[in-house]
Amino acid sequence: MSPCPSSPSWARGADRAKALAKILHILAERAWSGGEMQLEALVHFLAEKGHKQIFALQPGAQFEKVPRALGLRVLEQRMRNDLSLGALRGLRNIVKAEAQDLLHFACSRSHKLGGVASIGLSPVKVVTRRMDYALRPNPWKRWLYCKAVDGVVCVSAAVQGEVLGLGVPPSRARLVHDGVDSARFAGLAFSDRRRAARTALGLDPQAFVGLTTASLHRRKGQDILLQALALLAPRLSIRKLQWVFAGEGPQGDALRAQAASLPGSIEVLFPGRVSRIEDLLAASDLFCLPSRREGLGVALLEAMAAGLPVIASKVGGMIEAFEDPESGRHVPPEDPASLAEAILSLETDPEKARAMGRRAAERCRESFDLRRMCRDTEAFYLELLAGSQASNHDGEAI
């Protein structure tokens, strides 16, 4: 008797809404630089839905606390580099022993090691692609995305375009926008928390406060923003402007030296990595992410969810994050003059800025909510699993 057409055949006739998968997440990075919050939310969502999950992680991985808190199994596997023979053997043994339905490669190194280690093995393989760096169409890259995995989760249309450019079929390159917890950040901007947040952070209660939360890395473009602030200084209509660059990274010393040359009307603060981003969002008047490249920009989405007016470079996934000029302002990358004009236009028109922030919050709730991201990812998993099993029944190679 054939299974119900509306049910995934891999679940042997189970109702689609109740079909459960066994998923092995492989994360090779000990300290991760992006996507932690999204993966944590996905793991919680899949656990809530009843899917079985286990993890292959580096010894001492920071992410380990997430599965441990849920009582999920963690297997330690050292993955020192992309070519580790020991890691390849260890991962292959794990995949063979655990008999999972689906492998999720959560980072670039996991993709390379896991893809090679699982050659010829039966689980469906999925990688999450977050960066919009150009994917050069060489044989290695084509194999990684077209052969080593069955599906690619793309966090923005810009990322999806790079993946499709390698020849991955559209049905296997699924656009699933990264999400943020809209409810967590809702109503923070221009709220009653503003004065207390500024006091806690040592900010001037009367200053115009700008915010950039990003690693201090050249691709994030903080140097461009500092050039824009230098151009802006003679034209400010306010007594004082303070700008907070929250984050750590290799460009920290160079950026501090650049900021030291700004005139006294502009004060730049480098608080390092801030664990409670809510206080920064509540204290600020404007958010800016002047990246040279950006897959989507989770920090940008958080600022939008909080109701802050936002300015961002017109690159990568940030092009689709908001609508200019209703819910944000786009500026050309590496263009300090345009960036200075955008900042000035919002500093001098607070009503327009707040209206923009309200629309940004609405757009974030509608299109970039974390729960929606989790639902869409689960749906892609189940679709790939169903298609894989159907191919087996038809006598075709997966």
Protein backbone atom coordinates (compact mmCIF):
# COMPACT_ATOMS: atom_id res chain seq x y z
CA MET A 1 0.00 0.00 0.00
CA SER A 2 1.54 3.33 -1.05
CA PRO A 3 1.93 6.13 1.51
CA CYS A 4 -0.41 9.09 1.57
CA PRO A 5 0.68 11.59 -1.15
CA SER A 6 0.60 14.49 1.33
CA SER A 7 2.98 12.74 3.70
CA PRO A 8 6.77 12.54 3.29
CA SER A 9 7.57 9.02 2.15
CA TRP A 10 10.74 8.89 4.26
CA ALA A 11 8.47 8.98 7.34
CA ARG A 12 6.80 5.73 6.17
CA GLY A 13 3.32 7.14 5.91
CA ALA A 14 3.40 9.38 9.00
CA ASP A 15 1.39 12.58 8.87
CA ARG A 16 3.59 15.42 7.56
CA ALA A 17 2.98 17.60 10.60
CA LYS A 18 4.12 14.78 12.90
CA ALA A 19 7.03 13.44 10.81
CA LEU A 20 10.21 13.45 12.87
CA ALA A 21 13.79 13.50 11.65
CA LYS A 22 17.08 12.45 13.19
CA ILE A 23 19.51 15.31 12.65
CA LEU A 24 23.26 15.50 13.20
CA HIS A 25 24.57 19.06 13.46
CA ILE A 26 28.28 19.44 12.73
CA LEU A 27 29.92 22.66 13.92
CA ALA A 28 33.69 22.82 13.52
CA GLU A 29 34.33 26.23 15.08
CA ARG A 30 35.19 26.47 18.76
CA ALA A 31 34.38 30.19 18.94
CA TRP A 32 31.85 31.19 16.29
CA SER A 33 31.66 34.67 14.78
CA GLY A 34 28.14 34.65 13.37
CA GLY A 35 24.86 32.79 13.37
CA GLU A 36 25.01 31.53 16.97
CA MET A 37 21.67 33.01 17.93
CA GLN A 38 20.00 31.65 14.80
CA LEU A 39 21.38 28.13 15.28
CA GLU A 40 20.41 28.17 18.96
CA ALA A 41 16.85 29.16 18.06
CA LEU A 42 16.69 26.46 15.39
CA VAL A 43 17.91 23.79 17.81
CA HIS A 44 15.27 24.80 20.38
CA PHE A 45 12.56 24.85 17.69
CA LEU A 46 13.48 21.40 16.35
CA ALA A 47 13.57 20.01 19.89
CA GLU A 48 10.14 21.50 20.56
CA LYS A 49 8.83 19.80 17.42
CA GLY A 50 10.19 16.44 18.58
CA HIS A 51 13.04 15.95 16.12
CA LYS A 52 15.99 13.97 17.47
CA GLN A 53 19.24 15.95 17.40
CA ILE A 54 22.86 15.18 18.19
CA PHE A 55 25.95 17.34 17.77
CA ALA A 56 29.52 16.85 16.63
CA LEU A 57 31.48 19.76 18.10
CA GLN A 58 35.04 20.81 18.72
CA PRO A 59 36.21 20.04 22.28
CA GLY A 60 35.47 23.14 24.36
CA ALA A 61 33.13 24.66 21.77
CA GLN A 62 31.21 27.65 23.11
CA PHE A 63 28.00 26.38 21.51
CA GLU A 64 28.11 23.19 23.59
CA LYS A 65 26.07 24.79 26.36
CA VAL A 66 23.01 24.92 24.07
CA PRO A 67 22.51 21.18 23.44
CA ARG A 68 23.67 20.35 26.97
CA ALA A 69 20.92 22.55 28.43
CA LEU A 70 18.36 20.64 26.36
CA GLY A 71 19.73 17.25 27.38
CA LEU A 72 20.91 16.50 23.83
CA ARG A 73 23.91 14.31 23.02
CA VAL A 74 27.22 15.98 22.20
CA LEU A 75 30.04 14.08 20.49
CA GLU A 76 33.46 15.72 20.62
CA GLN A 77 35.56 15.62 17.49
CA ARG A 78 38.71 17.68 17.01
CA MET A 79 38.58 19.56 13.70
CA ARG A 80 41.78 21.63 13.60
CA ASN A 81 41.66 22.61 9.94
CA ASP A 82 39.89 21.98 6.64
CA LEU A 83 42.21 19.07 5.71
CA SER A 84 42.44 17.16 9.00
CA LEU A 85 42.64 13.45 8.22
CA GLY A 86 41.81 12.61 11.83
CA ALA A 87 38.67 14.74 11.64
CA LEU A 88 37.63 13.08 8.37
CA ARG A 89 37.98 9.61 9.88
CA GLY A 90 36.23 10.63 13.10
CA LEU A 91 33.30 12.32 11.36
CA ARG A 92 32.82 9.42 8.97
CA ASN A 93 32.70 7.01 11.89
CA ILE A 94 30.16 9.23 13.66
CA VAL A 95 27.92 9.47 10.59
CA LYS A 96 28.03 5.71 10.03
CA ALA A 97 27.42 4.85 13.69
CA GLU A 98 24.59 7.30 14.35
CA ALA A 99 22.46 6.53 11.25
CA GLN A 100 20.95 10.01 11.06
CA ASP A 101 18.41 11.10 8.46
CA LEU A 102 20.01 14.49 7.88
CA LEU A 103 23.42 16.12 8.35
CA HIS A 104 23.51 19.86 8.92
CA PHE A 105 26.87 21.55 8.24
CA ALA A 106 26.64 24.72 10.30
CA CYS A 107 29.86 26.47 9.23
CA SER A 108 32.34 26.57 6.36
CA ARG A 109 34.82 24.10 7.87
CA SER A 110 32.01 21.70 8.75
CA HIS A 111 30.89 21.87 5.12
CA LYS A 112 34.31 20.91 3.80
CA LEU A 113 35.12 18.23 6.36
CA GLY A 114 31.59 16.84 6.62
CA GLY A 115 31.10 16.83 2.87
CA VAL A 116 34.21 14.76 2.27
CA ALA A 117 33.69 12.53 5.31
CA SER A 118 30.17 11.57 4.25
CA ILE A 119 30.88 10.70 0.60
CA GLY A 120 28.81 7.66 -0.33
CA LEU A 121 26.80 7.69 2.90
CA SER A 122 23.03 7.95 2.86
CA PRO A 123 21.96 10.93 5.04
CA VAL A 124 20.59 14.02 3.35
CA LYS A 125 23.16 16.82 3.69
CA VAL A 126 22.41 20.50 4.16
CA VAL A 127 24.70 23.49 4.62
CA THR A 128 23.79 26.98 5.82
CA ARG A 129 25.48 29.70 3.78
CA ARG A 130 25.64 33.11 5.51
CA MET A 131 28.31 35.08 3.64
CA ASP A 132 27.89 36.84 0.31
CA TYR A 133 31.54 36.50 -0.68
CA ALA A 134 31.89 35.61 -4.35
CA LEU A 135 31.90 31.84 -4.88
CA ARG A 136 34.47 31.28 -7.62
CA PRO A 137 33.16 28.64 -10.01
CA ASN A 138 36.10 26.25 -9.70
CA PRO A 139 35.70 22.44 -9.53
CA TRP A 140 36.12 22.35 -5.73
CA LYS A 141 33.43 24.92 -5.05
CA ARG A 142 31.06 23.31 -7.54
CA TRP A 143 31.55 19.94 -5.86
CA LEU A 144 30.98 21.39 -2.38
CA TYR A 145 27.68 23.01 -3.29
CA CYS A 146 26.39 20.85 -6.15
CA LYS A 147 27.51 17.35 -5.09
CA ALA A 148 28.60 17.29 -1.45
CA VAL A 149 25.22 18.56 -0.19
CA ASP A 150 21.60 18.06 -1.17
CA GLY A 151 20.46 21.52 -0.10
CA VAL A 152 21.77 24.98 0.76
CA VAL A 153 19.99 27.32 3.18
CA CYS A 154 20.74 30.86 1.95
CA VAL A 155 20.20 33.66 4.46
CA SER A 156 19.56 36.31 1.80
CA ALA A 157 18.83 36.64 -1.90
CA ALA A 158 22.37 37.95 -2.39
CA VAL A 159 23.78 34.74 -0.91
CA GLN A 160 21.30 32.67 -2.92
CA GLY A 161 22.48 34.37 -6.11
CA GLU A 162 26.07 33.32 -5.45
CA VAL A 163 24.99 29.73 -4.80
CA LEU A 164 22.82 29.55 -7.92
CA GLY A 165 25.75 30.92 -9.91
CA LEU A 166 27.65 27.71 -9.18
CA GLY A 167 24.93 25.66 -10.86
CA VAL A 168 22.95 24.56 -7.80
CA PRO A 169 19.32 23.95 -8.92
CA PRO A 170 16.86 26.53 -7.53
CA SER A 171 14.92 23.78 -5.74
CA ARG A 172 18.03 22.98 -3.69
CA ALA A 173 19.07 26.56 -2.84
CA ARG A 174 16.38 27.74 -0.43
CA LEU A 175 16.08 31.37 0.60
CA VAL A 176 15.46 31.44 4.36
CA HIS A 177 16.14 34.91 5.71
CA ASP A 178 17.97 35.02 9.00
CA GLY A 179 15.67 36.12 11.79
CA VAL A 180 15.79 37.87 15.14
CA ASP A 181 13.53 37.70 18.17
CA SER A 182 11.26 40.62 17.31
CA ALA A 183 9.43 40.47 20.64
CA ARG A 184 12.70 40.71 22.59
CA PHE A 185 13.63 44.04 20.98
CA ALA A 186 10.16 45.52 20.41
CA GLY A 187 9.66 49.05 21.73
CA LEU A 188 13.22 49.65 22.95
CA ALA A 189 13.95 52.71 20.82
CA PHE A 190 12.89 56.10 22.22
CA SER A 191 11.30 54.42 25.23
CA ASP A 192 11.22 54.99 28.97
CA ARG A 193 14.41 52.91 29.21
CA ARG A 194 16.41 55.56 27.37
CA ARG A 195 17.63 57.68 30.31
CA ALA A 196 18.53 54.71 32.52
CA ALA A 197 20.33 53.00 29.64
CA ARG A 198 22.40 56.10 28.92
CA THR A 199 23.31 56.46 32.56
CA ALA A 200 24.38 52.81 32.76
CA LEU A 201 26.53 53.17 29.65
CA GLY A 202 28.03 56.52 30.65
CA LEU A 203 26.43 58.39 27.75
CA ASP A 204 25.43 62.06 27.73
CA PRO A 205 21.64 62.36 28.32
CA GLN A 206 21.45 65.25 25.83
CA ALA A 207 23.73 63.97 23.07
CA PHE A 208 22.69 62.52 19.75
CA VAL A 209 23.86 58.89 20.02
CA GLY A 210 24.73 56.73 17.03
CA LEU A 211 25.33 53.00 17.26
CA THR A 212 27.23 50.39 15.26
CA THR A 213 27.40 46.83 16.57
CA ALA A 214 29.77 44.67 14.52
CA SER A 215 33.15 43.00 14.73
CA LEU A 216 35.95 45.53 14.26
CA HIS A 217 36.91 44.17 10.87
CA ARG A 218 37.63 45.96 7.61
CA ARG A 219 34.67 44.42 5.81
CA LYS A 220 32.32 46.04 8.36
CA GLY A 221 33.40 49.52 7.21
CA GLN A 222 33.75 51.35 10.54
CA ASP A 223 36.63 53.34 9.02
CA ILE A 224 34.21 54.69 6.38
CA LEU A 225 31.80 55.77 9.11
CA LEU A 226 34.59 57.58 10.98
CA GLN A 227 35.45 59.45 7.77
CA ALA A 228 31.78 60.40 7.45
CA LEU A 229 31.72 61.69 11.03
CA ALA A 230 34.73 63.89 10.29
CA LEU A 231 32.85 65.40 7.33
CA LEU A 232 29.75 65.80 9.47
CA ALA A 233 31.34 67.60 12.42
CA PRO A 234 31.15 71.19 11.07
CA ARG A 235 27.49 70.78 10.09
CA LEU A 236 25.97 69.31 13.25
CA SER A 237 22.95 71.16 14.64
CA ILE A 238 23.39 69.64 18.11
CA ARG A 239 25.79 70.30 20.96
CA LYS A 240 27.35 66.88 20.95
CA LEU A 241 27.34 63.63 19.00
CA GLN A 242 28.43 60.36 20.57
CA TRP A 243 28.99 57.22 18.52
CA VAL A 244 29.28 53.75 20.04
CA PHE A 245 31.23 51.08 18.18
CA ALA A 246 30.39 47.89 20.05
CA GLY A 247 32.48 44.86 19.17
CA GLU A 248 35.99 43.51 19.07
CA GLY A 249 38.33 42.63 16.23
CA PRO A 250 41.66 43.10 14.46
CA GLN A 251 40.96 46.69 13.38
CA GLY A 252 40.38 47.94 16.92
CA ASP A 253 43.67 49.82 17.39
CA ALA A 254 43.54 51.41 13.94
CA LEU A 255 39.95 52.55 14.45
CA ARG A 256 40.73 54.04 17.87
CA ALA A 257 43.62 55.98 16.37
CA GLN A 258 41.38 57.24 13.57
CA ALA A 259 38.67 58.26 16.07
CA ALA A 260 41.19 60.20 18.17
CA SER A 261 41.61 62.72 15.33
CA LEU A 262 37.94 63.74 15.31
CA PRO A 263 36.98 67.20 16.65
CA GLY A 264 35.72 67.62 20.20
CA SER A 265 32.06 67.85 19.15
CA ILE A 266 32.17 64.12 18.34
CA GLU A 267 33.02 61.48 20.92
CA VAL A 268 33.59 57.88 19.86
CA LEU A 269 33.31 55.04 22.37
CA PHE A 270 34.65 51.49 22.01
CA PRO A 271 33.08 49.44 24.83
CA GLY A 272 34.17 46.10 23.36
CA ARG A 273 31.75 43.22 23.10
CA VAL A 274 28.50 44.07 24.90
CA SER A 275 26.42 41.14 26.12
CA ARG A 276 23.22 43.12 26.72
CA ILE A 277 22.55 44.77 23.39
CA GLU A 278 19.14 45.95 24.63
CA ASP A 279 20.68 48.80 26.64
CA LEU A 280 22.61 50.04 23.61
CA LEU A 281 19.51 49.97 21.43
CA ALA A 282 17.45 51.78 24.07
CA ALA A 283 20.11 54.47 24.47
CA SER A 284 20.60 55.26 20.77
CA ASP A 285 19.04 57.63 18.23
CA LEU A 286 20.37 55.98 15.07
CA PHE A 287 21.95 52.73 13.90
CA CYS A 288 24.43 52.44 11.04
CA LEU A 289 26.09 49.41 9.44
CA PRO A 290 28.48 50.66 6.69
CA SER A 291 29.75 47.22 5.59
CA ARG A 292 31.73 46.63 2.45
CA ARG A 293 30.16 43.14 2.28
CA GLU A 294 27.32 41.60 4.29
CA GLY A 295 25.35 38.38 3.99
CA LEU A 296 22.33 39.97 5.67
CA GLY A 297 23.30 41.75 8.89
CA VAL A 298 21.73 40.37 12.08
CA ALA A 299 22.79 43.47 14.02
CA LEU A 300 20.89 45.56 11.49
CA LEU A 301 17.76 43.43 11.98
CA GLU A 302 18.02 43.82 15.77
CA ALA A 303 18.14 47.60 15.42
CA MET A 304 15.15 47.51 13.09
CA ALA A 305 13.22 45.31 15.53
CA ALA A 306 13.94 47.84 18.28
CA GLY A 307 12.43 50.64 16.19
CA LEU A 308 15.62 52.58 15.47
CA PRO A 309 16.07 54.44 12.18
CA VAL A 310 18.79 52.60 10.27
CA ILE A 311 21.39 53.41 7.62
CA ALA A 312 23.25 50.65 5.80
CA SER A 313 25.46 50.15 2.79
CA LYS A 314 23.66 49.02 -0.33
CA VAL A 315 25.41 45.65 -0.41
CA GLY A 316 24.52 41.98 -0.01
CA GLY A 317 21.43 41.07 1.97
CA MET A 318 21.12 44.56 3.44
CA ILE A 319 19.62 45.64 0.11
CA GLU A 320 16.56 43.48 0.87
CA ALA A 321 16.48 44.11 4.64
CA PHE A 322 14.52 47.35 4.37
CA GLU A 323 12.80 49.65 1.88
CA ASP A 324 14.52 52.96 1.22
CA PRO A 325 13.32 55.51 2.30
CA GLU A 326 10.30 54.12 4.18
CA SER A 327 12.09 51.85 6.66
CA GLY A 328 15.76 52.84 6.29
CA ARG A 329 18.38 54.58 4.21
CA HIS A 330 20.76 52.85 1.81
CA VAL A 331 24.08 54.47 0.90
CA PRO A 332 26.75 53.37 -1.58
CA PRO A 333 29.57 51.37 0.03
CA GLU A 334 32.83 53.21 0.73
CA ASP A 335 31.20 56.62 0.22
CA PRO A 336 31.76 58.78 3.35
CA ALA A 337 30.10 61.84 1.82
CA SER A 338 26.82 60.03 1.10
CA LEU A 339 26.91 58.45 4.55
CA ALA A 340 27.43 61.84 6.19
CA GLU A 341 24.44 63.26 4.29
CA ALA A 342 22.23 60.34 5.36
CA ILE A 343 23.18 60.77 9.02
CA LEU A 344 22.59 64.53 8.86
CA SER A 345 19.17 64.10 7.24
CA LEU A 346 17.98 61.98 10.17
CA GLU A 347 19.73 63.99 12.88
CA THR A 348 18.02 67.18 11.71
CA ASP A 349 14.55 65.63 11.25
CA PRO A 350 13.74 63.55 14.36
CA GLU A 351 10.08 63.04 13.39
CA LYS A 352 11.06 61.49 10.07
CA ALA A 353 13.68 59.38 11.83
CA ARG A 354 11.20 58.00 14.36
CA ALA A 355 8.62 57.24 11.65
CA MET A 356 11.30 55.36 9.75
CA GLY A 357 12.12 53.40 12.90
CA ARG A 358 8.49 52.41 13.42
CA ARG A 359 8.24 51.13 9.85
CA ALA A 360 11.53 49.25 10.25
CA ALA A 361 10.10 47.46 13.30
CA GLU A 362 6.98 46.49 11.35
CA ARG A 363 9.06 45.15 8.46
CA CYS A 364 11.22 43.11 10.82
CA ARG A 365 8.17 41.52 12.45
CA GLU A 366 6.68 40.73 9.05
CA SER A 367 9.73 39.37 7.22
CA PHE A 368 12.62 38.67 9.60
CA ASP A 369 11.19 37.04 12.70
CA LEU A 370 13.18 34.20 14.25
CA ARG A 371 10.21 31.86 14.53
CA ARG A 372 9.48 32.20 10.82
CA MET A 373 13.12 31.39 10.04
CA CYS A 374 12.87 28.18 12.09
CA ARG A 375 9.60 27.08 10.46
CA ASP A 376 10.97 27.64 6.96
CA THR A 377 14.18 25.77 7.74
CA GLU A 378 12.28 22.79 9.14
CA ALA A 379 10.04 22.75 6.07
CA PHE A 380 13.11 22.64 3.79
CA TYR A 381 14.58 19.76 5.80
CA LEU A 382 11.37 17.73 5.48
CA GLU A 383 11.07 18.53 1.79
CA LEU A 384 14.61 17.34 1.09
CA LEU A 385 14.06 14.18 3.12
CA ALA A 386 10.85 13.39 1.26
CA GLY A 387 12.49 13.99 -2.09
CA SER A 388 15.46 11.83 -1.19
CA GLN A 389 13.29 8.87 -0.20
CA ALA A 390 11.13 9.28 -3.30
CA SER A 391 14.25 9.10 -5.46
CA ASN A 392 15.28 5.89 -3.73
CA HIS A 393 11.87 4.36 -4.42
CA ASP A 394 12.20 5.35 -8.08
CA GLY A 395 15.57 3.66 -8.29
CA GLU A 396 17.45 6.91 -8.86
CA ALA A 397 20.65 8.06 -7.19
CA ILE A 398 20.24 10.60 -4.41
